[in-house]
Amino acid sequence: MPSLGDLVAPRRMGRDFRWLLASSWTSNLGDGIALAAAPLLIASLTSSPILVAAGAMLQYLPWLLFGLLAGAVADHHDRRRLVIIANATRAVIVAGLVAFLVTGYANVWIVLATAFLYGTAEVFADSAGSTLLPMLVRPADLGIGNARMQAGFLVANQLAGPPLGAFLFAVGSFWPFVLQVLCVALAVVLISRIARTPVPEHPESDSESKMHAIREGLRWLRHNAPVRTLIVIILVFNITWAAPWGILVLYATEYLGMGPVGYGALTTASALGGFIAIFAFGWLEKRVSFSTLMRVCLSLEVLMHLGFALTTSPVVAFVIMFGFGLYAFIWATISTTVRQRLVPIELQGRIASVNMVGVFGGLVIGQFIGGVLAQLFGLTAPWWFAFAGSLITLALVWRSISHIAAAKPVLDEGSVAVVEAEGEPGAGGMPLPD
């Protein structure tokens, strides 16, 4: 009978995958702690809604400013080392905030500056970190690998981290950030245990500018219909998703009459749905095609928006939110896996960064649209917008989903070179391009 460790991280995926997974989970716990503690800290320093909202916006802004550059940097340097440097920088930035809090010199402007600097370092950490999994495991294991990475995000970032951050903030404003520093520092130590990753080859990497590298990535994306269409789907569905999610707290507390506690429970229902999906994904991957799963997930997204637009029942809202967490986990795992299989190793950073710029750009656009619609037409208007927009988008891309899922991967089992390290098959293995 396999051990718990083998169930979470199968031995065939190698020791380096386990180090990567442990680092990702630890870092996500730190980020989850800050997810609750940072807004509480800002709210304790100012009563301005604009400044409170700025704290969230400053988490998105670095992706829009530096996302493409970070992808180009990741594709031209040692990605493992970049993650180590970026995460170490994040730890130092938060340690500086702790010093201001302990000495009593912290103010809202220092906290906002910290949020921007931390978010900038996170852009480079995530851009480089997203390229490591395809370098460490075989293409056939990308699905289960991404599922395990998503599970860490769900459990540590969404379930465990926020309540822990809120509790520690009640004890003392600096304590959640002390623990965040420790988590990020431990993540640096864990990822440093990964075998050194080779730098992708670029014939003119010494002389070409980063702008040229960015244009090269965009040119590849423009001529690759499956990946381009997948990124467009993610962009549009993030716009439609963010429109009602930006006013979800008002929808839950005022329209459904659930109160603050009910709103918190509503978001927890989503995380619980995702937790169930953690155990279901492996079974689904073996028995249902990716194209079918993608269509089902996007169809459920459309129906979710319609359900929220029509219901006035908190119980129904809980059921819908639970279902959202379940299919959203599956969609995120599949879409990431498909993209990683279709993108050459040397372009993983740039294409992943374009995807993330689309994600955060969609969030900003969607939240703006949702706020305007709610102000003009009421709290259900953003849900109707999301329903109509996602339905039209799904109808337009329905046939393309088959082409996305069936596209020939740039890597196959015959092209994987596995380096055996410390006697363990697959440790440090890197798939090589055809």
Protein backbone atom coordinates (compact mmCIF):
# COMPACT_ATOMS: atom_id res chain seq x y z
CA MET A 1 0.00 0.00 0.00
CA PRO A 2 1.51 3.36 -1.02
CA SER A 3 2.42 5.83 1.71
CA LEU A 4 0.72 9.21 2.08
CA GLY A 5 3.82 10.85 0.59
CA ASP A 6 3.59 8.66 -2.51
CA LEU A 7 -0.10 9.49 -2.92
CA VAL A 8 0.57 13.23 -2.72
CA ALA A 9 3.76 13.19 -4.81
CA PRO A 10 4.22 9.88 -6.65
CA ARG A 11 7.78 8.57 -6.52
CA ARG A 12 7.97 8.34 -10.31
CA MET A 13 7.81 12.16 -10.50
CA GLY A 14 11.14 12.49 -8.76
CA ARG A 15 12.60 14.10 -5.70
CA ASP A 16 12.94 17.50 -7.33
CA PHE A 17 9.18 17.64 -7.85
CA ARG A 18 8.70 17.07 -4.14
CA TRP A 19 11.02 19.95 -3.30
CA LEU A 20 9.14 22.17 -5.76
CA LEU A 21 5.79 21.13 -4.32
CA ALA A 22 6.90 21.70 -0.72
CA SER A 23 8.28 25.13 -1.62
CA SER A 24 5.08 26.10 -3.44
CA TRP A 25 2.83 25.00 -0.57
CA THR A 26 4.95 26.82 2.02
CA SER A 27 5.03 30.04 -0.01
CA ASN A 28 1.26 29.81 -0.55
CA LEU A 29 0.69 29.56 3.18
CA GLY A 30 2.62 32.79 3.68
CA ASP A 31 0.64 34.52 0.94
CA GLY A 32 -2.62 33.22 2.40
CA ILE A 33 -1.74 34.68 5.78
CA ALA A 34 -1.16 38.07 4.14
CA LEU A 35 -4.38 37.71 2.15
CA ALA A 36 -6.35 38.44 5.32
CA ALA A 37 -3.78 40.38 7.34
CA ALA A 38 -2.83 42.99 4.71
CA PRO A 39 -6.36 44.41 4.18
CA LEU A 40 -6.88 44.41 7.95
CA LEU A 41 -3.65 46.34 8.41
CA ILE A 42 -4.56 48.93 5.77
CA ALA A 43 -8.06 49.33 7.20
CA SER A 44 -6.54 49.89 10.66
CA LEU A 45 -4.41 52.73 9.30
CA THR A 46 -6.98 54.56 7.14
CA SER A 47 -10.73 54.88 6.69
CA SER A 48 -10.41 55.90 3.03
CA PRO A 49 -12.16 53.40 0.70
CA ILE A 50 -9.82 54.49 -2.10
CA LEU A 51 -6.70 53.64 -0.12
CA VAL A 52 -8.18 50.33 1.04
CA ALA A 53 -9.01 49.45 -2.56
CA ALA A 54 -5.53 50.57 -3.64
CA GLY A 55 -4.06 47.80 -1.51
CA ALA A 56 -5.74 45.21 -3.74
CA MET A 57 -5.00 47.06 -6.98
CA LEU A 58 -1.30 47.26 -6.16
CA GLN A 59 -1.23 43.44 -6.19
CA TYR A 60 -2.41 43.44 -9.82
CA LEU A 61 -0.49 46.46 -11.12
CA PRO A 62 3.00 44.85 -11.18
CA TRP A 63 1.70 42.13 -13.50
CA LEU A 64 0.46 44.73 -15.96
CA LEU A 65 3.72 46.71 -15.72
CA PHE A 66 6.35 43.97 -15.54
CA GLY A 67 4.64 40.71 -16.52
CA LEU A 68 6.01 40.47 -20.07
CA LEU A 69 9.49 41.54 -18.97
CA ALA A 70 9.49 38.93 -16.20
CA GLY A 71 8.61 36.22 -18.71
CA ALA A 72 11.49 37.23 -20.97
CA VAL A 73 13.90 37.25 -18.03
CA ALA A 74 12.73 33.77 -16.99
CA ASP A 75 13.40 32.40 -20.47
CA HIS A 76 16.97 33.72 -20.58
CA HIS A 77 18.32 32.90 -17.13
CA ASP A 78 18.53 30.08 -14.60
CA ARG A 79 14.88 29.82 -13.54
CA ARG A 80 15.58 28.09 -10.24
CA ARG A 81 18.00 30.85 -9.27
CA LEU A 82 15.50 33.52 -10.29
CA VAL A 83 12.85 32.01 -8.01
CA ILE A 84 15.33 31.91 -5.14
CA ILE A 85 16.36 35.55 -5.64
CA ALA A 86 12.79 36.82 -6.10
CA ASN A 87 11.47 34.97 -3.05
CA ALA A 88 14.42 36.09 -0.93
CA THR A 89 13.62 39.66 -2.01
CA ARG A 90 9.99 39.16 -0.96
CA ALA A 91 11.13 37.99 2.48
CA VAL A 92 13.37 41.04 2.91
CA ILE A 93 10.56 43.42 1.86
CA VAL A 94 8.11 41.97 4.39
CA ALA A 95 10.83 41.94 7.07
CA GLY A 96 11.19 45.68 6.48
CA LEU A 97 7.45 46.12 7.03
CA VAL A 98 7.70 44.14 10.28
CA ALA A 99 10.44 46.50 11.46
CA PHE A 100 8.20 49.53 10.81
CA LEU A 101 5.29 47.85 12.64
CA VAL A 102 7.35 46.84 15.67
CA THR A 103 8.88 50.31 16.03
CA GLY A 104 5.52 52.04 15.53
CA TYR A 105 6.59 54.00 12.43
CA ALA A 106 4.28 52.23 9.98
CA ASN A 107 1.71 54.24 8.06
CA VAL A 108 -0.61 53.48 5.17
CA TRP A 109 1.84 54.78 2.57
CA ILE A 110 4.59 52.47 3.79
CA VAL A 111 2.16 49.54 3.66
CA LEU A 112 1.04 50.42 0.12
CA ALA A 113 4.65 50.79 -1.02
CA THR A 114 5.40 47.41 0.54
CA ALA A 115 2.45 45.87 -1.33
CA PHE A 116 3.74 47.21 -4.65
CA LEU A 117 7.34 46.10 -4.09
CA TYR A 118 6.23 42.69 -2.83
CA GLY A 119 3.90 42.28 -5.81
CA THR A 120 6.72 43.19 -8.20
CA ALA A 121 9.03 40.56 -6.73
CA GLU A 122 6.16 38.08 -6.86
CA VAL A 123 5.75 38.68 -10.61
CA PHE A 124 9.33 37.54 -11.22
CA ALA A 125 9.02 34.63 -8.76
CA ASP A 126 5.80 33.34 -10.33
CA SER A 127 6.97 33.84 -13.93
CA ALA A 128 10.09 31.77 -13.34
CA GLY A 129 8.38 29.33 -10.98
CA SER A 130 5.66 28.47 -13.50
CA THR A 131 8.32 27.12 -15.89
CA LEU A 132 9.90 24.66 -13.45
CA LEU A 133 7.27 21.91 -13.45
CA PRO A 134 7.57 21.11 -17.21
CA MET A 135 11.35 20.89 -16.69
CA LEU A 136 11.09 18.42 -13.83
CA VAL A 137 8.37 15.91 -14.81
CA ARG A 138 7.32 14.00 -17.89
CA PRO A 139 4.53 15.48 -20.06
CA ALA A 140 2.17 12.68 -19.00
CA ASP A 141 2.61 13.72 -15.35
CA LEU A 142 1.91 17.43 -15.90
CA GLY A 143 -1.78 16.96 -15.10
CA ILE A 144 -1.23 15.36 -11.71
CA GLY A 145 1.66 17.74 -11.02
CA ASN A 146 -0.48 20.82 -11.65
CA ALA A 147 -3.30 19.31 -9.60
CA ARG A 148 -0.96 18.96 -6.62
CA MET A 149 0.31 22.53 -7.07
CA GLN A 150 -3.27 23.83 -7.28
CA ALA A 151 -4.15 21.81 -4.18
CA GLY A 152 -1.44 23.62 -2.23
CA PHE A 153 -2.79 26.97 -3.39
CA LEU A 154 -6.31 25.99 -2.39
CA VAL A 155 -5.54 24.54 1.02
CA ALA A 156 -2.72 26.84 2.13
CA ASN A 157 -3.65 30.10 0.38
CA GLN A 158 -7.44 29.95 0.46
CA LEU A 159 -8.40 27.73 3.42
CA ALA A 160 -5.67 27.72 6.07
CA GLY A 161 -3.82 31.00 5.50
CA PRO A 162 -6.56 33.67 5.77
CA PRO A 163 -8.08 32.60 9.12
CA LEU A 164 -4.59 32.14 10.55
CA GLY A 165 -3.62 35.61 9.31
CA ALA A 166 -6.75 37.18 10.82
CA PHE A 167 -6.16 35.43 14.18
CA LEU A 168 -2.51 36.51 14.35
CA PHE A 169 -3.45 40.10 13.43
CA ALA A 170 -5.81 40.16 16.40
CA VAL A 171 -2.88 39.11 18.61
CA GLY A 172 -0.58 41.79 17.19
CA SER A 173 -0.42 43.60 13.86
CA PHE A 174 3.13 42.42 13.09
CA TRP A 175 2.74 38.72 13.94
CA PRO A 176 1.12 37.55 10.67
CA PHE A 177 3.90 39.21 8.70
CA VAL A 178 6.59 37.62 10.87
CA LEU A 179 5.13 34.22 10.02
CA GLN A 180 4.89 35.24 6.35
CA VAL A 181 8.61 36.04 6.34
CA LEU A 182 9.37 32.63 7.85
CA CYS A 183 7.20 30.85 5.26
CA VAL A 184 8.77 32.61 2.29
CA ALA A 185 12.28 32.07 3.69
CA LEU A 186 11.56 28.36 4.14
CA ALA A 187 10.26 28.24 0.55
CA VAL A 188 13.64 29.60 -0.58
CA VAL A 189 15.48 26.87 1.32
CA LEU A 190 13.23 24.14 -0.10
CA ILE A 191 13.53 25.21 -3.74
CA SER A 192 17.29 25.55 -3.38
CA ARG A 193 17.36 21.76 -2.94
CA ILE A 194 16.23 21.26 -6.54
CA ALA A 195 18.99 20.14 -8.87
CA ARG A 196 20.38 23.03 -10.92
CA THR A 197 18.13 23.66 -13.93
CA PRO A 198 19.72 24.31 -17.34
CA VAL A 199 19.27 27.70 -18.96
CA PRO A 200 17.22 27.41 -22.18
CA GLU A 201 19.38 27.82 -25.25
CA HIS A 202 19.10 31.05 -27.23
CA PRO A 203 21.49 31.47 -30.15
CA GLU A 204 21.59 35.26 -29.70
CA SER A 205 20.73 35.52 -26.03
CA ASP A 206 23.81 37.57 -25.17
CA SER A 207 23.10 40.32 -27.64
CA GLU A 208 19.34 40.39 -28.08
CA SER A 209 17.35 42.81 -25.98
CA LYS A 210 14.54 41.82 -23.67
CA MET A 211 12.15 43.72 -25.92
CA HIS A 212 13.19 41.52 -28.83
CA ALA A 213 12.63 38.47 -26.63
CA ILE A 214 9.14 39.71 -25.74
CA ARG A 215 8.32 40.29 -29.42
CA GLU A 216 9.60 36.80 -30.23
CA GLY A 217 7.22 35.30 -27.66
CA LEU A 218 4.27 37.33 -28.91
CA ARG A 219 5.10 36.34 -32.50
CA TRP A 220 5.10 32.65 -31.55
CA LEU A 221 1.79 33.10 -29.75
CA ARG A 222 0.22 34.88 -32.72
CA HIS A 223 1.03 31.91 -34.97
CA ASN A 224 -0.04 29.20 -32.49
CA ALA A 225 -3.83 29.08 -32.68
CA PRO A 226 -4.50 26.58 -29.83
CA VAL A 227 -2.49 28.44 -27.18
CA ARG A 228 -3.65 31.84 -28.46
CA THR A 229 -7.29 30.78 -28.26
CA LEU A 230 -6.81 29.32 -24.77
CA ILE A 231 -5.35 32.60 -23.50
CA VAL A 232 -8.19 34.60 -25.09
CA ILE A 233 -10.74 32.31 -23.40
CA ILE A 234 -9.04 32.85 -20.04
CA LEU A 235 -8.94 36.63 -20.58
CA VAL A 236 -12.64 36.94 -21.49
CA PHE A 237 -13.86 34.56 -18.81
CA ASN A 238 -11.82 36.49 -16.23
CA ILE A 239 -13.55 39.69 -17.30
CA THR A 240 -16.99 38.11 -16.96
CA TRP A 241 -16.01 36.38 -13.70
CA ALA A 242 -14.54 39.50 -12.09
CA ALA A 243 -17.54 41.73 -12.89
CA PRO A 244 -19.81 40.17 -10.22
CA TRP A 245 -16.97 39.00 -7.96
CA GLY A 246 -15.88 42.59 -7.39
CA ILE A 247 -19.21 43.35 -5.69
CA LEU A 248 -19.76 39.87 -4.20
CA VAL A 249 -19.50 41.19 -0.65
CA LEU A 250 -22.36 43.64 -1.32
CA TYR A 251 -24.40 41.03 -3.18
CA ALA A 252 -24.07 38.56 -0.30
CA THR A 253 -24.60 40.96 2.60
CA GLU A 254 -27.22 43.31 1.13
CA TYR A 255 -29.04 41.41 -1.65
CA LEU A 256 -29.05 37.96 -0.03
CA GLY A 257 -29.01 39.33 3.51
CA MET A 258 -26.30 36.95 4.68
CA GLY A 259 -24.26 39.40 6.77
CA PRO A 260 -20.46 39.43 7.13
CA VAL A 261 -20.29 35.92 8.60
CA GLY A 262 -22.44 34.54 5.78
CA TYR A 263 -20.21 36.21 3.22
CA GLY A 264 -17.15 34.57 4.74
CA ALA A 265 -18.92 31.20 4.75
CA LEU A 266 -19.87 31.71 1.10
CA THR A 267 -16.25 32.09 0.04
CA THR A 268 -15.31 29.10 2.20
CA ALA A 269 -17.87 26.98 0.32
CA SER A 270 -15.91 27.64 -2.86
CA ALA A 271 -12.69 26.42 -1.24
CA LEU A 272 -14.44 23.28 0.02
CA GLY A 273 -15.63 22.49 -3.49
CA GLY A 274 -12.08 22.80 -4.74
CA PHE A 275 -10.90 20.52 -1.94
CA ILE A 276 -13.20 17.76 -3.22
CA ALA A 277 -11.84 18.29 -6.73
CA ILE A 278 -8.31 17.58 -5.47
CA PHE A 279 -9.25 13.94 -4.97
CA ALA A 280 -11.43 13.70 -8.08
CA PHE A 281 -8.98 15.07 -10.63
CA GLY A 282 -6.81 11.96 -11.04
CA TRP A 283 -9.88 9.79 -11.64
CA LEU A 284 -11.35 12.29 -14.13
CA GLU A 285 -8.09 12.70 -16.04
CA LYS A 286 -7.95 8.96 -16.72
CA ARG A 287 -11.59 8.58 -17.79
CA VAL A 288 -12.73 11.84 -19.41
CA SER A 289 -11.08 13.70 -22.27
CA PHE A 290 -9.65 17.15 -21.65
CA SER A 291 -11.90 18.67 -24.33
CA THR A 292 -15.01 17.32 -22.56
CA LEU A 293 -13.83 18.51 -19.17
CA MET A 294 -13.03 21.97 -20.56
CA ARG A 295 -16.48 22.29 -22.13
CA VAL A 296 -18.21 21.08 -18.96
CA CYS A 297 -16.27 23.54 -16.77
CA LEU A 298 -16.99 26.53 -19.00
CA SER A 299 -20.66 25.52 -19.32
CA LEU A 300 -20.97 25.31 -15.55
CA GLU A 301 -19.43 28.80 -15.34
CA VAL A 302 -22.19 30.14 -17.58
CA LEU A 303 -24.88 28.41 -15.50
CA MET A 304 -23.33 29.66 -12.26
CA HIS A 305 -23.71 33.28 -13.37
CA LEU A 306 -27.32 32.62 -14.34
CA GLY A 307 -28.02 30.93 -11.02
CA PHE A 308 -26.68 33.86 -9.00
CA ALA A 309 -28.63 36.32 -11.16
CA LEU A 310 -31.90 34.48 -10.47
CA THR A 311 -31.64 33.26 -6.89
CA THR A 312 -32.59 35.09 -3.72
CA SER A 313 -31.81 32.10 -1.47
CA PRO A 314 -28.59 31.93 0.57
CA VAL A 315 -28.83 28.11 0.54
CA VAL A 316 -28.85 28.04 -3.26
CA ALA A 317 -25.94 30.49 -3.27
CA PHE A 318 -23.93 28.12 -1.06
CA VAL A 319 -24.61 25.20 -3.42
CA ILE A 320 -23.61 27.24 -6.46
CA MET A 321 -20.44 28.44 -4.80
CA PHE A 322 -19.49 24.91 -3.76
CA GLY A 323 -19.89 23.79 -7.37
CA PHE A 324 -17.85 26.76 -8.57
CA GLY A 325 -14.91 25.76 -6.40
CA LEU A 326 -15.08 22.22 -7.73
CA TYR A 327 -15.06 22.97 -11.45
CA ALA A 328 -12.78 26.03 -11.14
CA PHE A 329 -10.05 23.80 -9.67
CA ILE A 330 -10.41 21.32 -12.54
CA TRP A 331 -10.39 24.09 -15.17
CA ALA A 332 -7.29 25.77 -13.70
CA THR A 333 -5.42 22.47 -13.60
CA ILE A 334 -6.36 21.46 -17.15
CA SER A 335 -5.76 24.86 -18.77
CA THR A 336 -2.31 25.12 -17.17
CA THR A 337 -1.43 21.56 -18.17
CA VAL A 338 -2.53 22.05 -21.79
CA ARG A 339 -0.57 25.28 -22.11
CA GLN A 340 2.59 23.74 -20.65
CA ARG A 341 2.37 20.77 -23.01
CA LEU A 342 2.00 22.97 -26.08
CA VAL A 343 4.67 25.58 -25.35
CA PRO A 344 8.39 24.89 -26.00
CA ILE A 345 10.61 24.90 -22.92
CA GLU A 346 12.49 27.99 -24.10
CA LEU A 347 9.23 30.00 -24.34
CA GLN A 348 7.50 28.80 -21.16
CA GLY A 349 8.24 31.97 -19.19
CA ARG A 350 7.09 34.42 -21.85
CA ILE A 351 3.86 32.62 -22.72
CA ALA A 352 3.02 32.06 -19.05
CA SER A 353 3.56 35.78 -18.42
CA VAL A 354 1.26 36.72 -21.31
CA ASN A 355 -1.34 34.43 -19.76
CA MET A 356 -0.96 36.08 -16.35
CA VAL A 357 -1.13 39.58 -17.81
CA GLY A 358 -4.41 38.49 -19.41
CA VAL A 359 -5.65 37.09 -16.09
CA PHE A 360 -4.95 40.23 -14.09
CA GLY A 361 -5.91 42.55 -16.92
CA GLY A 362 -9.24 40.71 -17.09
CA LEU A 363 -9.70 41.12 -13.35
CA VAL A 364 -9.13 44.88 -13.50
CA ILE A 365 -11.44 45.36 -16.51
CA GLY A 366 -14.13 43.08 -15.09
CA GLN A 367 -14.16 44.69 -11.66
CA PHE A 368 -14.50 48.14 -13.22
CA ILE A 369 -17.41 46.99 -15.42
CA GLY A 370 -19.09 45.22 -12.51
CA GLY A 371 -18.85 48.27 -10.27
CA VAL A 372 -20.38 50.55 -12.90
CA LEU A 373 -23.20 48.11 -13.70
CA ALA A 374 -24.02 47.57 -10.03
CA GLN A 375 -24.09 51.32 -9.42
CA LEU A 376 -26.39 52.00 -12.38
CA PHE A 377 -28.65 48.92 -12.53
CA GLY A 378 -28.44 47.10 -9.19
CA LEU A 379 -26.48 44.27 -7.60
CA THR A 380 -27.68 41.52 -9.97
CA ALA A 381 -26.71 43.43 -13.14
CA PRO A 382 -23.08 42.21 -13.08
CA TRP A 383 -24.32 38.60 -12.92
CA TRP A 384 -26.49 39.12 -16.01
CA PHE A 385 -23.52 40.70 -17.80
CA ALA A 386 -21.34 37.74 -16.80
CA PHE A 387 -23.97 35.25 -17.96
CA ALA A 388 -24.45 36.89 -21.37
CA GLY A 389 -20.73 37.50 -21.95
CA SER A 390 -19.62 33.99 -20.98
CA LEU A 391 -22.45 32.36 -22.96
CA ILE A 392 -21.55 34.23 -26.14
CA THR A 393 -17.85 33.49 -25.67
CA LEU A 394 -18.49 29.80 -25.07
CA ALA A 395 -20.64 29.57 -28.22
CA LEU A 396 -17.83 31.17 -30.26
CA VAL A 397 -15.05 28.91 -28.96
CA TRP A 398 -17.02 25.66 -28.55
CA ARG A 399 -15.50 24.00 -31.63
CA SER A 400 -12.04 25.44 -30.98
CA ILE A 401 -11.84 23.64 -27.63
CA SER A 402 -11.44 20.31 -29.45
CA HIS A 403 -8.49 21.72 -31.40
CA ILE A 404 -6.90 23.07 -28.22
CA ALA A 405 -7.15 19.75 -26.37
CA ALA A 406 -6.08 17.69 -29.41
CA ALA A 407 -3.12 19.86 -30.43
CA LYS A 408 0.12 17.93 -30.68
CA PRO A 409 2.35 18.61 -27.66
CA VAL A 410 5.83 19.94 -28.38
CA LEU A 411 7.05 17.18 -26.08
CA ASP A 412 6.07 13.53 -26.03
CA GLU A 413 7.19 10.54 -24.07
CA GLY A 414 9.80 9.69 -26.68
CA SER A 415 11.49 13.07 -26.32
CA VAL A 416 11.90 13.11 -22.56
CA ALA A 417 15.41 12.82 -21.26
CA VAL A 418 15.45 11.80 -17.62
CA VAL A 419 18.49 12.47 -15.52
CA GLU A 420 18.89 10.04 -12.64
CA ALA A 421 20.04 11.83 -9.53
CA GLU A 422 20.90 10.27 -6.17
CA GLY A 423 19.60 6.91 -7.33
CA GLU A 424 16.00 8.08 -7.81
CA PRO A 425 14.44 7.84 -11.29
CA GLY A 426 13.30 11.18 -12.65
CA ALA A 427 15.01 13.40 -10.10
CA GLY A 428 16.15 16.52 -11.90
CA GLY A 429 14.85 15.23 -15.23
CA MET A 430 14.21 17.84 -17.93
CA PRO A 431 12.08 17.22 -21.03
CA LEU A 432 14.04 18.20 -24.10
CA PRO A 433 12.54 19.79 -27.24
CA ASP A 434 12.16 17.69 -30.38
